[in-house]
All heavy atoms as atom14 arrays in JSON, in Angstrom:
{
  "sequence": "RVLLRHLAERARELGQVYPADREPRVLLALATLVTALAMNHVHRGS",
  "atom14_mask": [
    [1, 1, 1, 1, 1, 1, 1, 1, 1, 1, 1, 0, 0, 0],
    [1, 1, 1, 1, 1, 1, 1, 0, 0, 0, 0, 0, 0, 0],
    [1, 1, 1, 1, 1, 1, 1, 1, 0, 0, 0, 0, 0, 0],
    [1, 1, 1, 1, 1, 1, 1, 1, 0, 0, 0, 0, 0, 0],
    [1, 1, 1, 1, 1, 1, 1, 1, 1, 1, 1, 0, 0, 0],
    [1, 1, 1, 1, 1, 1, 1, 1, 1, 1, 0, 0, 0, 0],
    [1, 1, 1, 1, 1, 1, 1, 1, 0, 0, 0, 0, 0, 0],
    [1, 1, 1, 1, 1, 0, 0, 0, 0, 0, 0, 0, 0, 0],
    [1, 1, 1, 1, 1, 1, 1, 1, 1, 0, 0, 0, 0, 0],
    [1, 1, 1, 1, 1, 1, 1, 1, 1, 1, 1, 0, 0, 0],
    [1, 1, 1, 1, 1, 0, 0, 0, 0, 0, 0, 0, 0, 0],
    [1, 1, 1, 1, 1, 1, 1, 1, 1, 1, 1, 0, 0, 0],
    [1, 1, 1, 1, 1, 1, 1, 1, 1, 0, 0, 0, 0, 0],
    [1, 1, 1, 1, 1, 1, 1, 1, 0, 0, 0, 0, 0, 0],
    [1, 1, 1, 1, 0, 0, 0, 0, 0, 0, 0, 0, 0, 0],
    [1, 1, 1, 1, 1, 1, 1, 1, 1, 0, 0, 0, 0, 0],
    [1, 1, 1, 1, 1, 1, 1, 0, 0, 0, 0, 0, 0, 0],
    [1, 1, 1, 1, 1, 1, 1, 1, 1, 1, 1, 1, 0, 0],
    [1, 1, 1, 1, 1, 1, 1, 0, 0, 0, 0, 0, 0, 0],
    [1, 1, 1, 1, 1, 0, 0, 0, 0, 0, 0, 0, 0, 0],
    [1, 1, 1, 1, 1, 1, 1, 1, 0, 0, 0, 0, 0, 0],
    [1, 1, 1, 1, 1, 1, 1, 1, 1, 1, 1, 0, 0, 0],
    [1, 1, 1, 1, 1, 1, 1, 1, 1, 0, 0, 0, 0, 0],
    [1, 1, 1, 1, 1, 1, 1, 0, 0, 0, 0, 0, 0, 0],
    [1, 1, 1, 1, 1, 1, 1, 1, 1, 1, 1, 0, 0, 0],
    [1, 1, 1, 1, 1, 1, 1, 0, 0, 0, 0, 0, 0, 0],
    [1, 1, 1, 1, 1, 1, 1, 1, 0, 0, 0, 0, 0, 0],
    [1, 1, 1, 1, 1, 1, 1, 1, 0, 0, 0, 0, 0, 0],
    [1, 1, 1, 1, 1, 0, 0, 0, 0, 0, 0, 0, 0, 0],
    [1, 1, 1, 1, 1, 1, 1, 1, 0, 0, 0, 0, 0, 0],
    [1, 1, 1, 1, 1, 0, 0, 0, 0, 0, 0, 0, 0, 0],
    [1, 1, 1, 1, 1, 1, 1, 0, 0, 0, 0, 0, 0, 0],
    [1, 1, 1, 1, 1, 1, 1, 1, 0, 0, 0, 0, 0, 0],
    [1, 1, 1, 1, 1, 1, 1, 0, 0, 0, 0, 0, 0, 0],
    [1, 1, 1, 1, 1, 1, 1, 0, 0, 0, 0, 0, 0, 0],
    [1, 1, 1, 1, 1, 0, 0, 0, 0, 0, 0, 0, 0, 0],
    [1, 1, 1, 1, 1, 1, 1, 1, 0, 0, 0, 0, 0, 0],
    [1, 1, 1, 1, 1, 0, 0, 0, 0, 0, 0, 0, 0, 0],
    [1, 1, 1, 1, 1, 1, 1, 1, 0, 0, 0, 0, 0, 0],
    [1, 1, 1, 1, 1, 1, 1, 1, 0, 0, 0, 0, 0, 0],
    [1, 1, 1, 1, 1, 1, 1, 1, 1, 1, 0, 0, 0, 0],
    [1, 1, 1, 1, 1, 1, 1, 0, 0, 0, 0, 0, 0, 0],
    [1, 1, 1, 1, 1, 1, 1, 1, 1, 1, 0, 0, 0, 0],
    [1, 1, 1, 1, 1, 1, 1, 1, 1, 1, 1, 0, 0, 0],
    [1, 1, 1, 1, 0, 0, 0, 0, 0, 0, 0, 0, 0, 0],
    [1, 1, 1, 1, 1, 1, 0, 0, 0, 0, 0, 0, 0, 0]
  ],
  "atom14_positions": [
    [[61.93, 18.26, 67.94], [63.16, 17.94, 68.67], [64.07, 19.23, 68.8], [64.52, 19.63, 69.75], [63.98, 16.87, 68.08], [65.25, 16.46, 68.85], [65.87, 15.17, 68.17], [64.99, 14.02, 68.1], [64.48, 13.61, 67.07], [64.68, 14.1, 65.88], [63.64, 12.52, 67.07], [0.0, 0.0, 0.0], [0.0, 0.0, 0.0], [0.0, 0.0, 0.0]],
    [[64.16, 19.94, 67.67], [64.88, 21.18, 67.61], [64.24, 22.29, 68.46], [64.93, 22.94, 69.17], [65.05, 21.66, 66.19], [65.73, 23.13, 66.06], [65.9, 20.75, 65.31], [0.0, 0.0, 0.0], [0.0, 0.0, 0.0], [0.0, 0.0, 0.0], [0.0, 0.0, 0.0], [0.0, 0.0, 0.0], [0.0, 0.0, 0.0], [0.0, 0.0, 0.0]],
    [[62.93, 22.35, 68.41], [62.25, 23.31, 69.19], [62.44, 23.0, 70.71], [62.7, 23.97, 71.48], [60.77, 23.26, 68.89], [59.74, 24.17, 69.73], [60.11, 25.6, 69.65], [58.39, 23.85, 69.34], [0.0, 0.0, 0.0], [0.0, 0.0, 0.0], [0.0, 0.0, 0.0], [0.0, 0.0, 0.0], [0.0, 0.0, 0.0], [0.0, 0.0, 0.0]],
    [[62.34, 21.83, 71.04], [62.55, 21.39, 72.55], [63.99, 21.74, 72.9], [64.18, 22.21, 74.03], [62.25, 20.01, 72.74], [60.8, 19.6, 72.81], [60.65, 18.09, 72.7], [60.05, 20.27, 73.97], [0.0, 0.0, 0.0], [0.0, 0.0, 0.0], [0.0, 0.0, 0.0], [0.0, 0.0, 0.0], [0.0, 0.0, 0.0], [0.0, 0.0, 0.0]],
    [[65.02, 21.42, 72.1], [66.33, 21.8, 72.47], [66.55, 23.25, 72.62], [67.21, 23.76, 73.53], [67.29, 21.25, 71.42], [67.43, 19.77, 71.5], [68.46, 19.23, 70.45], [68.59, 17.74, 70.55], [68.87, 17.02, 69.56], [69.1, 17.52, 68.37], [68.88, 15.65, 69.73], [0.0, 0.0, 0.0], [0.0, 0.0, 0.0], [0.0, 0.0, 0.0]],
    [[65.91, 24.06, 71.77], [66.09, 25.53, 71.91], [65.39, 26.05, 73.19], [65.91, 26.79, 73.86], [65.32, 26.24, 70.65], [65.16, 27.65, 70.74], [66.27, 28.49, 70.6], [64.14, 28.41, 71.07], [65.98, 29.7, 70.83], [64.64, 29.71, 71.09], [0.0, 0.0, 0.0], [0.0, 0.0, 0.0], [0.0, 0.0, 0.0], [0.0, 0.0, 0.0]],
    [[64.21, 25.46, 73.5], [63.49, 25.91, 74.77], [64.35, 25.49, 75.99], [64.45, 26.34, 76.91], [62.08, 25.24, 74.86], [61.1, 25.73, 73.77], [59.76, 24.93, 73.95], [60.86, 27.33, 74.03], [0.0, 0.0, 0.0], [0.0, 0.0, 0.0], [0.0, 0.0, 0.0], [0.0, 0.0, 0.0], [0.0, 0.0, 0.0], [0.0, 0.0, 0.0]],
    [[64.97, 24.3, 75.96], [65.77, 23.87, 77.07], [66.98, 24.8, 77.17], [67.32, 25.14, 78.3], [66.21, 22.45, 76.88], [0.0, 0.0, 0.0], [0.0, 0.0, 0.0], [0.0, 0.0, 0.0], [0.0, 0.0, 0.0], [0.0, 0.0, 0.0], [0.0, 0.0, 0.0], [0.0, 0.0, 0.0], [0.0, 0.0, 0.0], [0.0, 0.0, 0.0]],
    [[67.68, 25.06, 76.11], [68.82, 25.96, 76.19], [68.35, 27.37, 76.7], [69.09, 27.95, 77.51], [69.41, 26.16, 74.78], [70.58, 27.08, 74.74], [71.77, 26.55, 75.62], [71.9, 25.39, 75.83], [72.48, 27.5, 76.16], [0.0, 0.0, 0.0], [0.0, 0.0, 0.0], [0.0, 0.0, 0.0], [0.0, 0.0, 0.0], [0.0, 0.0, 0.0]],
    [[67.29, 27.95, 76.24], [66.85, 29.21, 76.82], [66.56, 29.13, 78.31], [66.8, 30.0, 79.12], [65.61, 29.7, 76.06], [65.81, 30.31, 74.68], [66.82, 31.5, 74.63], [66.06, 32.62, 75.24], [66.69, 33.64, 75.93], [67.94, 33.59, 76.12], [65.91, 34.55, 76.42], [0.0, 0.0, 0.0], [0.0, 0.0, 0.0], [0.0, 0.0, 0.0]],
    [[65.9, 28.05, 78.75], [65.54, 27.96, 80.14], [66.91, 27.83, 80.93], [67.01, 28.47, 82.0], [64.8, 26.57, 80.33], [0.0, 0.0, 0.0], [0.0, 0.0, 0.0], [0.0, 0.0, 0.0], [0.0, 0.0, 0.0], [0.0, 0.0, 0.0], [0.0, 0.0, 0.0], [0.0, 0.0, 0.0], [0.0, 0.0, 0.0], [0.0, 0.0, 0.0]],
    [[67.97, 27.11, 80.43], [69.21, 27.18, 81.03], [69.87, 28.52, 81.12], [70.41, 28.98, 82.23], [70.16, 26.13, 80.4], [70.06, 24.71, 80.82], [71.19, 23.87, 80.28], [71.22, 23.68, 78.8], [70.39, 22.82, 78.09], [69.65, 22.03, 78.91], [70.4, 22.79, 76.87], [0.0, 0.0, 0.0], [0.0, 0.0, 0.0], [0.0, 0.0, 0.0]],
    [[69.79, 29.2, 80.0], [70.36, 30.53, 79.96], [69.64, 31.59, 80.91], [70.31, 32.43, 81.56], [70.25, 31.15, 78.51], [71.16, 30.54, 77.58], [70.79, 30.98, 76.11], [69.82, 31.79, 75.92], [71.44, 30.53, 75.2], [0.0, 0.0, 0.0], [0.0, 0.0, 0.0], [0.0, 0.0, 0.0], [0.0, 0.0, 0.0], [0.0, 0.0, 0.0]],
    [[68.31, 31.33, 81.13], [67.6, 32.25, 82.02], [67.55, 31.74, 83.5], [67.06, 32.34, 84.34], [66.17, 32.34, 81.54], [66.09, 33.03, 80.16], [64.66, 33.01, 79.71], [66.52, 34.51, 80.27], [0.0, 0.0, 0.0], [0.0, 0.0, 0.0], [0.0, 0.0, 0.0], [0.0, 0.0, 0.0], [0.0, 0.0, 0.0], [0.0, 0.0, 0.0]],
    [[68.11, 30.55, 83.66], [68.16, 29.94, 84.99], [66.84, 29.54, 85.56], [66.62, 29.62, 86.78], [0.0, 0.0, 0.0], [0.0, 0.0, 0.0], [0.0, 0.0, 0.0], [0.0, 0.0, 0.0], [0.0, 0.0, 0.0], [0.0, 0.0, 0.0], [0.0, 0.0, 0.0], [0.0, 0.0, 0.0], [0.0, 0.0, 0.0], [0.0, 0.0, 0.0]],
    [[65.91, 29.15, 84.6], [64.64, 28.78, 85.11], [64.68, 27.4, 85.67], [65.21, 26.41, 85.04], [63.64, 28.79, 83.84], [63.43, 30.19, 83.33], [62.48, 30.21, 82.13], [62.4, 29.33, 81.4], [61.78, 31.26, 81.98], [0.0, 0.0, 0.0], [0.0, 0.0, 0.0], [0.0, 0.0, 0.0], [0.0, 0.0, 0.0], [0.0, 0.0, 0.0]],
    [[64.05, 27.23, 86.78], [63.96, 25.87, 87.47], [62.61, 25.74, 88.05], [61.83, 26.77, 88.18], [65.1, 25.82, 88.56], [66.46, 25.81, 87.95], [64.94, 26.92, 89.61], [0.0, 0.0, 0.0], [0.0, 0.0, 0.0], [0.0, 0.0, 0.0], [0.0, 0.0, 0.0], [0.0, 0.0, 0.0], [0.0, 0.0, 0.0], [0.0, 0.0, 0.0]],
    [[62.29, 24.57, 88.51], [61.01, 24.38, 89.18], [61.32, 23.24, 90.29], [62.22, 22.47, 90.21], [59.96, 23.94, 88.26], [60.28, 22.64, 87.48], [60.02, 21.39, 87.96], [61.0, 22.7, 86.3], [60.28, 20.19, 87.35], [61.29, 21.56, 85.6], [61.01, 20.43, 86.11], [61.35, 19.22, 85.46], [0.0, 0.0, 0.0], [0.0, 0.0, 0.0]],
    [[60.53, 23.26, 91.31], [60.68, 22.31, 92.4], [60.24, 21.02, 91.76], [59.27, 20.83, 91.04], [59.59, 22.72, 93.45], [59.32, 24.18, 93.12], [59.51, 24.27, 91.7], [0.0, 0.0, 0.0], [0.0, 0.0, 0.0], [0.0, 0.0, 0.0], [0.0, 0.0, 0.0], [0.0, 0.0, 0.0], [0.0, 0.0, 0.0], [0.0, 0.0, 0.0]],
    [[60.99, 19.93, 92.28], [60.74, 18.57, 91.8], [59.26, 18.11, 92.01], [58.71, 17.39, 91.15], [61.65, 17.56, 92.5], [0.0, 0.0, 0.0], [0.0, 0.0, 0.0], [0.0, 0.0, 0.0], [0.0, 0.0, 0.0], [0.0, 0.0, 0.0], [0.0, 0.0, 0.0], [0.0, 0.0, 0.0], [0.0, 0.0, 0.0], [0.0, 0.0, 0.0]],
    [[58.61, 18.56, 93.04], [57.22, 18.11, 93.31], [56.24, 18.71, 92.35], [55.1, 18.28, 92.3], [56.8, 18.34, 94.76], [56.73, 19.88, 95.06], [57.56, 20.67, 94.49], [56.01, 20.21, 95.98], [0.0, 0.0, 0.0], [0.0, 0.0, 0.0], [0.0, 0.0, 0.0], [0.0, 0.0, 0.0], [0.0, 0.0, 0.0], [0.0, 0.0, 0.0]],
    [[56.69, 19.61, 91.51], [55.73, 20.3, 90.56], [55.95, 19.75, 89.15], [55.39, 20.29, 88.16], [55.94, 21.79, 90.56], [55.47, 22.37, 91.89], [55.43, 23.8, 91.98], [54.41, 24.37, 91.11], [54.33, 25.63, 90.69], [55.16, 26.49, 91.15], [53.39, 26.05, 89.88], [0.0, 0.0, 0.0], [0.0, 0.0, 0.0], [0.0, 0.0, 0.0]],
    [[56.84, 18.69, 89.03], [57.24, 18.2, 87.7], [55.96, 17.9, 86.8], [55.84, 18.23, 85.68], [58.14, 17.05, 87.72], [58.61, 16.5, 86.4], [59.75, 15.58, 86.51], [60.18, 15.26, 87.58], [60.19, 15.21, 85.39], [0.0, 0.0, 0.0], [0.0, 0.0, 0.0], [0.0, 0.0, 0.0], [0.0, 0.0, 0.0], [0.0, 0.0, 0.0]],
    [[54.99, 17.11, 87.43], [53.83, 16.72, 86.53], [53.1, 18.04, 85.97], [52.75, 18.03, 84.74], [52.88, 15.98, 87.46], [53.82, 15.38, 88.54], [54.92, 16.5, 88.74], [0.0, 0.0, 0.0], [0.0, 0.0, 0.0], [0.0, 0.0, 0.0], [0.0, 0.0, 0.0], [0.0, 0.0, 0.0], [0.0, 0.0, 0.0], [0.0, 0.0, 0.0]],
    [[53.0, 19.05, 86.76], [52.23, 20.21, 86.3], [53.16, 21.0, 85.28], [52.66, 21.5, 84.27], [52.09, 21.16, 87.45], [51.32, 22.34, 87.22], [50.92, 23.05, 88.47], [50.18, 24.29, 88.28], [49.92, 25.09, 89.22], [50.2, 24.9, 90.41], [49.24, 26.23, 88.82], [0.0, 0.0, 0.0], [0.0, 0.0, 0.0], [0.0, 0.0, 0.0]],
    [[54.53, 21.02, 85.47], [55.43, 21.62, 84.5], [55.48, 20.86, 83.19], [55.35, 21.51, 82.06], [56.81, 21.69, 85.18], [57.85, 22.19, 84.09], [56.88, 22.64, 86.25], [0.0, 0.0, 0.0], [0.0, 0.0, 0.0], [0.0, 0.0, 0.0], [0.0, 0.0, 0.0], [0.0, 0.0, 0.0], [0.0, 0.0, 0.0], [0.0, 0.0, 0.0]],
    [[55.41, 19.48, 83.25], [55.36, 18.8, 82.01], [53.99, 18.99, 81.23], [54.18, 19.13, 79.99], [55.52, 17.32, 82.3], [56.9, 16.85, 82.74], [56.93, 15.42, 83.16], [58.02, 17.21, 81.76], [0.0, 0.0, 0.0], [0.0, 0.0, 0.0], [0.0, 0.0, 0.0], [0.0, 0.0, 0.0], [0.0, 0.0, 0.0], [0.0, 0.0, 0.0]],
    [[52.98, 19.11, 81.81], [51.62, 19.42, 81.23], [51.75, 20.8, 80.53], [51.37, 21.04, 79.34], [50.53, 19.31, 82.19], [49.17, 19.61, 81.59], [48.82, 18.77, 80.4], [48.16, 19.57, 82.68], [0.0, 0.0, 0.0], [0.0, 0.0, 0.0], [0.0, 0.0, 0.0], [0.0, 0.0, 0.0], [0.0, 0.0, 0.0], [0.0, 0.0, 0.0]],
    [[52.36, 21.77, 81.25], [52.44, 23.15, 80.77], [53.42, 23.21, 79.54], [53.14, 23.84, 78.43], [52.89, 24.1, 81.8], [0.0, 0.0, 0.0], [0.0, 0.0, 0.0], [0.0, 0.0, 0.0], [0.0, 0.0, 0.0], [0.0, 0.0, 0.0], [0.0, 0.0, 0.0], [0.0, 0.0, 0.0], [0.0, 0.0, 0.0], [0.0, 0.0, 0.0]],
    [[54.48, 22.49, 79.61], [55.43, 22.37, 78.56], [54.76, 21.7, 77.28], [54.92, 22.2, 76.15], [56.64, 21.65, 78.95], [57.73, 21.54, 77.79], [58.27, 22.94, 77.4], [58.94, 20.64, 78.39], [0.0, 0.0, 0.0], [0.0, 0.0, 0.0], [0.0, 0.0, 0.0], [0.0, 0.0, 0.0], [0.0, 0.0, 0.0], [0.0, 0.0, 0.0]],
    [[54.0, 20.58, 77.54], [53.31, 19.97, 76.38], [52.37, 20.96, 75.74], [52.2, 20.9, 74.54], [52.65, 18.76, 76.87], [0.0, 0.0, 0.0], [0.0, 0.0, 0.0], [0.0, 0.0, 0.0], [0.0, 0.0, 0.0], [0.0, 0.0, 0.0], [0.0, 0.0, 0.0], [0.0, 0.0, 0.0], [0.0, 0.0, 0.0], [0.0, 0.0, 0.0]],
    [[51.69, 21.69, 76.51], [50.74, 22.66, 75.97], [51.44, 23.76, 75.14], [50.99, 24.03, 74.05], [49.96, 23.31, 77.1], [49.27, 22.28, 77.82], [48.86, 24.24, 76.66], [0.0, 0.0, 0.0], [0.0, 0.0, 0.0], [0.0, 0.0, 0.0], [0.0, 0.0, 0.0], [0.0, 0.0, 0.0], [0.0, 0.0, 0.0], [0.0, 0.0, 0.0]],
    [[52.51, 24.26, 75.7], [53.23, 25.3, 75.02], [53.8, 24.79, 73.73], [53.65, 25.37, 72.62], [54.45, 25.81, 75.89], [55.41, 26.85, 75.24], [54.66, 28.03, 74.74], [56.6, 27.05, 76.16], [0.0, 0.0, 0.0], [0.0, 0.0, 0.0], [0.0, 0.0, 0.0], [0.0, 0.0, 0.0], [0.0, 0.0, 0.0], [0.0, 0.0, 0.0]],
    [[54.42, 23.61, 73.81], [55.1, 23.06, 72.55], [53.96, 22.7, 71.43], [54.17, 23.08, 70.27], [55.89, 21.78, 72.87], [56.29, 21.07, 71.56], [57.08, 22.21, 73.68], [0.0, 0.0, 0.0], [0.0, 0.0, 0.0], [0.0, 0.0, 0.0], [0.0, 0.0, 0.0], [0.0, 0.0, 0.0], [0.0, 0.0, 0.0], [0.0, 0.0, 0.0]],
    [[52.85, 22.24, 71.86], [51.74, 21.96, 71.01], [51.31, 23.28, 70.37], [51.0, 23.29, 69.07], [50.67, 21.17, 71.67], [51.12, 19.99, 72.22], [49.54, 20.9, 70.64], [0.0, 0.0, 0.0], [0.0, 0.0, 0.0], [0.0, 0.0, 0.0], [0.0, 0.0, 0.0], [0.0, 0.0, 0.0], [0.0, 0.0, 0.0], [0.0, 0.0, 0.0]],
    [[51.09, 24.34, 71.12], [50.55, 25.56, 70.53], [51.61, 26.11, 69.61], [51.26, 26.62, 68.53], [50.37, 26.54, 71.66], [0.0, 0.0, 0.0], [0.0, 0.0, 0.0], [0.0, 0.0, 0.0], [0.0, 0.0, 0.0], [0.0, 0.0, 0.0], [0.0, 0.0, 0.0], [0.0, 0.0, 0.0], [0.0, 0.0, 0.0], [0.0, 0.0, 0.0]],
    [[52.9, 26.06, 69.9], [53.99, 26.55, 68.93], [54.0, 25.72, 67.69], [54.13, 26.31, 66.62], [55.28, 26.54, 69.68], [55.59, 27.52, 70.78], [56.81, 27.28, 71.48], [55.56, 28.9, 70.22], [0.0, 0.0, 0.0], [0.0, 0.0, 0.0], [0.0, 0.0, 0.0], [0.0, 0.0, 0.0], [0.0, 0.0, 0.0], [0.0, 0.0, 0.0]],
    [[53.79, 24.44, 67.86], [53.81, 23.5, 66.69], [52.58, 23.91, 65.75], [52.75, 24.0, 64.56], [53.76, 22.03, 67.15], [0.0, 0.0, 0.0], [0.0, 0.0, 0.0], [0.0, 0.0, 0.0], [0.0, 0.0, 0.0], [0.0, 0.0, 0.0], [0.0, 0.0, 0.0], [0.0, 0.0, 0.0], [0.0, 0.0, 0.0], [0.0, 0.0, 0.0]],
    [[51.49, 24.08, 66.41], [50.34, 24.49, 65.58], [50.55, 25.81, 64.78], [50.23, 25.97, 63.64], [49.05, 24.63, 66.47], [48.46, 23.3, 67.0], [47.9, 22.23, 65.7], [46.4, 23.06, 65.16], [0.0, 0.0, 0.0], [0.0, 0.0, 0.0], [0.0, 0.0, 0.0], [0.0, 0.0, 0.0], [0.0, 0.0, 0.0], [0.0, 0.0, 0.0]],
    [[51.07, 26.8, 65.46], [51.4, 28.02, 64.81], [52.34, 27.84, 63.59], [52.1, 28.37, 62.48], [52.05, 29.05, 65.78], [51.12, 29.7, 66.69], [49.93, 29.77, 66.44], [51.64, 30.35, 67.71], [0.0, 0.0, 0.0], [0.0, 0.0, 0.0], [0.0, 0.0, 0.0], [0.0, 0.0, 0.0], [0.0, 0.0, 0.0], [0.0, 0.0, 0.0]],
    [[53.35, 26.98, 63.77], [54.35, 26.7, 62.78], [53.69, 26.0, 61.59], [53.83, 26.38, 60.39], [55.48, 25.85, 63.35], [56.64, 25.78, 62.3], [56.74, 24.8, 61.36], [57.67, 26.59, 62.12], [57.83, 24.97, 60.69], [58.4, 26.13, 61.11], [0.0, 0.0, 0.0], [0.0, 0.0, 0.0], [0.0, 0.0, 0.0], [0.0, 0.0, 0.0]],
    [[52.83, 24.99, 61.82], [52.15, 24.27, 60.81], [51.19, 25.1, 60.03], [51.11, 25.01, 58.82], [51.51, 22.95, 61.39], [50.53, 22.31, 60.38], [52.51, 21.91, 61.92], [0.0, 0.0, 0.0], [0.0, 0.0, 0.0], [0.0, 0.0, 0.0], [0.0, 0.0, 0.0], [0.0, 0.0, 0.0], [0.0, 0.0, 0.0], [0.0, 0.0, 0.0]],
    [[50.41, 25.86, 60.73], [49.37, 26.62, 60.02], [49.75, 28.04, 59.58], [49.1, 28.61, 58.7], [48.1, 26.72, 60.93], [47.47, 25.35, 61.19], [46.71, 24.78, 60.24], [47.56, 24.51, 62.26], [46.29, 23.62, 60.62], [46.83, 23.45, 61.87], [0.0, 0.0, 0.0], [0.0, 0.0, 0.0], [0.0, 0.0, 0.0], [0.0, 0.0, 0.0]],
    [[50.82, 28.62, 60.13], [51.19, 29.94, 59.73], [52.61, 30.12, 59.29], [52.94, 31.15, 58.9], [50.95, 30.89, 60.95], [49.4, 30.9, 61.34], [49.19, 31.84, 62.41], [47.75, 31.9, 62.66], [47.14, 32.26, 63.85], [47.94, 32.72, 64.76], [45.87, 32.27, 63.93], [0.0, 0.0, 0.0], [0.0, 0.0, 0.0], [0.0, 0.0, 0.0]],
    [[53.41, 29.01, 59.38], [54.74, 29.11, 58.94], [55.71, 29.65, 59.87], [56.89, 29.83, 59.56], [0.0, 0.0, 0.0], [0.0, 0.0, 0.0], [0.0, 0.0, 0.0], [0.0, 0.0, 0.0], [0.0, 0.0, 0.0], [0.0, 0.0, 0.0], [0.0, 0.0, 0.0], [0.0, 0.0, 0.0], [0.0, 0.0, 0.0], [0.0, 0.0, 0.0]],
    [[55.3, 30.03, 61.15], [56.23, 30.68, 62.07], [55.73, 30.19, 63.49], [54.48, 29.98, 63.73], [56.06, 32.17, 61.97], [56.78, 32.81, 62.98], [0.0, 0.0, 0.0], [0.0, 0.0, 0.0], [0.0, 0.0, 0.0], [0.0, 0.0, 0.0], [0.0, 0.0, 0.0], [0.0, 0.0, 0.0], [0.0, 0.0, 0.0], [0.0, 0.0, 0.0]]
  ]
}
């Protein structure tokens, strides 16, 4: 939850947006990124 809030805040700061019709693709990409970051944190502590 903290990680997602941080990523959302950074996206707002950077003005990152996507077209509504690409939402399914963006959600899949976000799930992939968050899972990879989570794995790094669990296995490497960062």
